[in-house]
């Protein structure tokens, strides 16, 4: 698992060949990667929202209560897992149009490894900031897209020329799945979990 992670950022072409071979020899070997790396955003967000907090107005610091933060992070973790499985199912379904015959497990594994940059980007949750999150997630999206286009031909063992169209279709569906799952998470968070905020106001006096 560690070797695959390093190669995804140093030799992505070789990494995809190794990942496909491991998936054939040991189905569901991606599970450890998915279950462990998906913890990074959840744990980081818990620390950031309970210990660091964020500011909505000058002199005011907002944090989540421990209970609310735990609910949010558990919801985020489950959302990541569901989103990965759903995306893998879509990739499996689309494979029929591109003469590829991957199993569902292989497609979920492909999705999990492609999403690795997003897992690492979850470290931004340690310091809740809108602009930091946008910048980091943007970079993660770019590299995840690169991994998708570089890896899909090798992993799915497609003929030359089929990979780009397959990757483009997967990218479009992936964007839809990402937006849909995040919106659902936010709706559940606000409508059913009743988040509890802790506000701290810093009293500032002139001349002190």
Protein backbone atom coordinates (compact mmCIF):
# COMPACT_ATOMS: atom_id res chain seq x y z
CA UNK A 1 0.00 0.00 0.00
CA UNK A 2 2.79 2.43 0.90
CA UNK A 3 4.69 1.56 -2.30
CA UNK A 4 1.59 2.31 -4.40
CA UNK A 5 1.11 5.62 -2.61
CA UNK A 6 4.67 6.78 -3.30
CA UNK A 7 4.59 5.65 -6.92
CA UNK A 8 1.32 7.48 -7.58
CA UNK A 9 3.24 10.70 -7.02
CA UNK A 10 6.57 9.69 -8.54
CA UNK A 11 5.83 7.06 -11.22
CA UNK A 12 2.06 7.00 -11.78
CA UNK A 13 2.31 4.88 -14.92
CA UNK A 14 4.17 2.11 -13.08
CA UNK A 15 1.87 2.51 -10.07
CA UNK A 16 -1.25 1.73 -12.09
CA UNK A 17 0.27 -1.44 -13.53
CA UNK A 18 1.20 -2.63 -10.05
CA UNK A 19 -2.20 -1.73 -8.61
CA UNK A 20 -4.05 -3.64 -11.35
CA UNK A 21 -1.84 -6.70 -10.83
CA UNK A 22 -2.42 -6.62 -7.09
CA UNK A 23 -6.16 -6.31 -7.61
CA UNK A 24 -6.16 -9.42 -9.80
CA UNK A 25 -4.13 -11.42 -7.28
CA UNK A 26 -5.82 -10.09 -4.15
CA UNK A 27 -9.35 -8.75 -4.73
CA UNK A 28 -10.35 -5.91 -2.40
CA UNK A 29 -6.74 -5.13 -1.52
CA UNK A 30 -7.71 -1.49 -2.01
CA UNK A 31 -9.85 -1.59 1.14
CA UNK A 32 -6.96 -0.87 3.50
CA UNK A 33 -5.94 2.11 1.38
CA UNK A 34 -9.47 3.49 1.25
CA UNK A 35 -10.42 2.92 4.90
CA UNK A 36 -7.17 4.34 6.29
CA UNK A 37 -6.58 7.31 3.98
CA UNK A 38 -10.22 8.40 4.17
CA UNK A 39 -9.61 8.97 7.89
CA UNK A 40 -7.27 11.89 7.14
CA UNK A 41 -9.98 14.41 6.21
CA UNK A 42 -12.23 13.28 9.06
CA UNK A 43 -9.56 13.43 11.78
CA UNK A 44 -8.12 16.70 10.47
CA UNK A 45 -11.55 18.31 10.38
CA UNK A 46 -12.29 17.17 13.91
CA UNK A 47 -9.11 18.78 15.23
CA UNK A 48 -9.57 21.95 13.19
CA UNK A 49 -13.19 22.54 14.15
CA UNK A 50 -12.76 21.80 17.86
CA UNK A 51 -9.27 23.10 18.62
CA UNK A 52 -8.51 25.81 16.03
CA UNK A 53 -11.87 27.15 14.94
CA UNK A 54 -12.62 29.82 12.38
CA UNK A 55 -13.57 33.49 12.38
CA UNK A 56 -16.77 34.87 10.87
CA UNK A 57 -16.33 38.36 12.26
CA UNK A 58 -13.46 40.34 13.70
CA UNK A 59 -12.88 39.43 17.31
CA UNK A 60 -15.11 36.32 17.22
CA UNK A 61 -13.85 32.74 17.12
CA UNK A 62 -16.22 29.91 16.32
CA UNK A 63 -15.70 26.25 17.12
CA UNK A 64 -17.84 23.14 17.09
CA UNK A 65 -18.65 21.27 20.26
CA UNK A 66 -16.91 17.91 20.54
CA UNK A 67 -20.16 16.04 19.97
CA UNK A 68 -21.12 18.01 16.88
CA UNK A 69 -17.62 17.72 15.43
CA UNK A 70 -17.69 13.97 15.94
CA UNK A 71 -21.02 13.76 14.10
CA UNK A 72 -19.68 15.89 11.24
CA UNK A 73 -16.50 13.86 10.86
CA UNK A 74 -18.32 10.53 11.01
CA UNK A 75 -20.72 11.83 8.35
CA UNK A 76 -17.80 12.98 6.19
CA UNK A 77 -16.08 9.59 6.51
CA UNK A 78 -19.21 7.68 5.54
CA UNK A 79 -19.82 10.10 2.66
CA UNK A 80 -16.32 9.47 1.31
CA UNK A 81 -16.80 5.71 1.44
CA UNK A 82 -20.24 5.83 -0.19
CA UNK A 83 -19.05 8.27 -2.86
CA UNK A 84 -16.11 6.00 -3.71
CA UNK A 85 -18.33 2.94 -4.06
CA UNK A 86 -20.91 4.81 -6.15
CA UNK A 87 -18.21 6.20 -8.44
CA UNK A 88 -16.68 2.75 -8.81
CA UNK A 89 -20.09 1.38 -9.80
CA UNK A 90 -20.46 4.08 -12.46
CA UNK A 91 -17.00 3.34 -13.86
CA UNK A 92 -17.91 -0.35 -14.01
CA UNK A 93 -21.16 0.48 -15.79
CA UNK A 94 -19.42 2.73 -18.34
CA UNK A 95 -16.77 0.11 -19.06
CA UNK A 96 -19.24 -1.75 -21.30
CA UNK A 97 -18.92 0.99 -23.88
CA UNK A 98 -15.12 0.78 -24.00
CA UNK A 99 -14.46 -2.96 -24.36
CA UNK A 100 -13.14 -3.14 -20.81
CA UNK A 101 -14.15 -5.92 -18.44
CA UNK A 102 -13.06 -4.85 -14.96
CA UNK A 103 -14.79 -6.20 -11.89
CA UNK A 104 -16.69 -3.94 -9.51
CA UNK A 105 -13.92 -4.37 -6.94
CA UNK A 106 -11.32 -3.25 -9.45
CA UNK A 107 -13.36 -0.16 -10.36
CA UNK A 108 -13.83 0.79 -6.71
CA UNK A 109 -10.11 0.28 -6.19
CA UNK A 110 -9.32 2.47 -9.19
CA UNK A 111 -11.56 5.19 -7.75
CA UNK A 112 -9.98 4.92 -4.32
CA UNK A 113 -6.44 5.34 -5.65
CA UNK A 114 -7.48 8.12 -8.02
CA UNK A 115 -8.97 9.99 -5.06
CA UNK A 116 -5.72 9.79 -3.05
CA UNK A 117 -4.86 13.50 -3.63
CA UNK A 118 -8.21 14.44 -2.09
CA UNK A 119 -7.46 12.33 0.98
CA UNK A 120 -4.16 14.17 1.45
CA UNK A 121 -5.87 17.51 0.82
CA UNK A 122 -7.99 16.70 3.86
CA UNK A 123 -5.06 17.88 5.98
CA UNK A 124 -6.28 21.40 5.21
CA UNK A 125 -9.03 20.69 7.73
CA UNK A 126 -6.48 21.20 10.49
CA UNK A 127 -6.81 24.93 9.85
CA UNK A 128 -10.38 25.76 8.76
CA UNK A 129 -10.16 28.46 6.12
CA UNK A 130 -12.34 28.94 3.07
CA UNK A 131 -9.53 30.11 0.80
CA UNK A 132 -7.08 27.48 2.00
CA UNK A 133 -9.66 24.77 1.36
CA UNK A 134 -10.39 26.10 -2.15
CA UNK A 135 -6.68 26.25 -3.03
CA UNK A 136 -5.81 22.82 -1.66
CA UNK A 137 -8.87 21.09 -3.09
CA UNK A 138 -8.20 22.74 -6.44
CA UNK A 139 -4.66 21.33 -6.54
CA UNK A 140 -5.93 17.93 -5.42
CA UNK A 141 -8.54 18.00 -8.18
CA UNK A 142 -5.91 18.74 -10.80
CA UNK A 143 -3.63 15.90 -9.76
CA UNK A 144 -6.52 13.50 -9.31
CA UNK A 145 -7.59 14.34 -12.88
CA UNK A 146 -4.04 13.65 -14.04
CA UNK A 147 -4.04 10.27 -12.32
CA UNK A 148 -7.38 9.45 -13.95
CA UNK A 149 -6.25 10.25 -17.49
CA UNK A 150 -2.83 8.64 -17.05
CA UNK A 151 -4.07 5.51 -15.37
CA UNK A 152 -7.34 4.51 -16.97
CA UNK A 153 -5.84 3.03 -20.16
CA UNK A 154 -3.28 1.01 -18.22
CA UNK A 155 -5.58 -0.10 -15.41
CA UNK A 156 -8.53 -0.99 -17.65
CA UNK A 157 -6.22 -2.45 -20.32
CA UNK A 158 -7.79 -0.48 -23.12
CA UNK A 159 -6.72 -0.03 -26.69
CA UNK A 160 -4.91 3.18 -27.53
CA UNK A 161 -7.38 5.94 -28.23
CA UNK A 162 -10.14 4.64 -25.94
CA UNK A 163 -8.64 5.88 -22.70
CA UNK A 164 -9.20 9.61 -23.22
CA UNK A 165 -12.92 9.28 -23.94
CA UNK A 166 -13.42 6.85 -21.03
CA UNK A 167 -11.49 9.16 -18.69
CA UNK A 168 -13.45 12.21 -19.85
CA UNK A 169 -16.75 10.40 -19.22
CA UNK A 170 -15.55 9.23 -15.80
CA UNK A 171 -14.40 12.76 -14.95
CA UNK A 172 -17.81 14.21 -15.74
CA UNK A 173 -19.64 11.57 -13.72
CA UNK A 174 -17.11 11.96 -10.91
CA UNK A 175 -17.80 15.68 -10.68
CA UNK A 176 -21.53 14.99 -10.49
CA UNK A 177 -21.06 12.33 -7.79
CA UNK A 178 -18.76 14.64 -5.80
CA UNK A 179 -21.19 17.55 -5.84
CA UNK A 180 -24.22 15.37 -5.12
CA UNK A 181 -22.69 13.54 -2.16
CA UNK A 182 -21.35 16.77 -0.63
CA UNK A 183 -24.70 18.50 -0.98
CA UNK A 184 -26.45 15.54 0.62
CA UNK A 185 -23.94 15.59 3.47
CA UNK A 186 -24.49 19.29 4.10
CA UNK A 187 -28.29 18.88 4.05
CA UNK A 188 -28.13 16.01 6.54
CA UNK A 189 -25.71 17.99 8.70
CA UNK A 190 -27.89 21.08 8.97
CA UNK A 191 -31.36 19.50 8.88
CA UNK A 192 -30.94 16.42 11.06
CA UNK A 193 -27.85 16.69 13.26
CA UNK A 194 -28.38 20.18 14.69
CA UNK A 195 -24.76 21.38 14.98
CA UNK A 196 -23.77 23.07 18.22
CA UNK A 197 -21.38 26.01 17.93
CA UNK A 198 -19.14 27.46 20.60
CA UNK A 199 -18.42 31.15 20.14
CA UNK A 200 -15.65 33.07 21.84
CA UNK A 201 -15.59 36.83 21.68
CA UNK A 202 -12.32 38.61 22.31
CA UNK A 203 -12.94 41.85 24.18
CA UNK A 204 -10.63 44.47 22.70
CA UNK A 205 -10.35 47.94 24.20
CA UNK A 206 -8.58 50.89 22.68
CA UNK A 207 -5.39 51.86 24.39
CA UNK A 208 -5.02 48.50 26.16
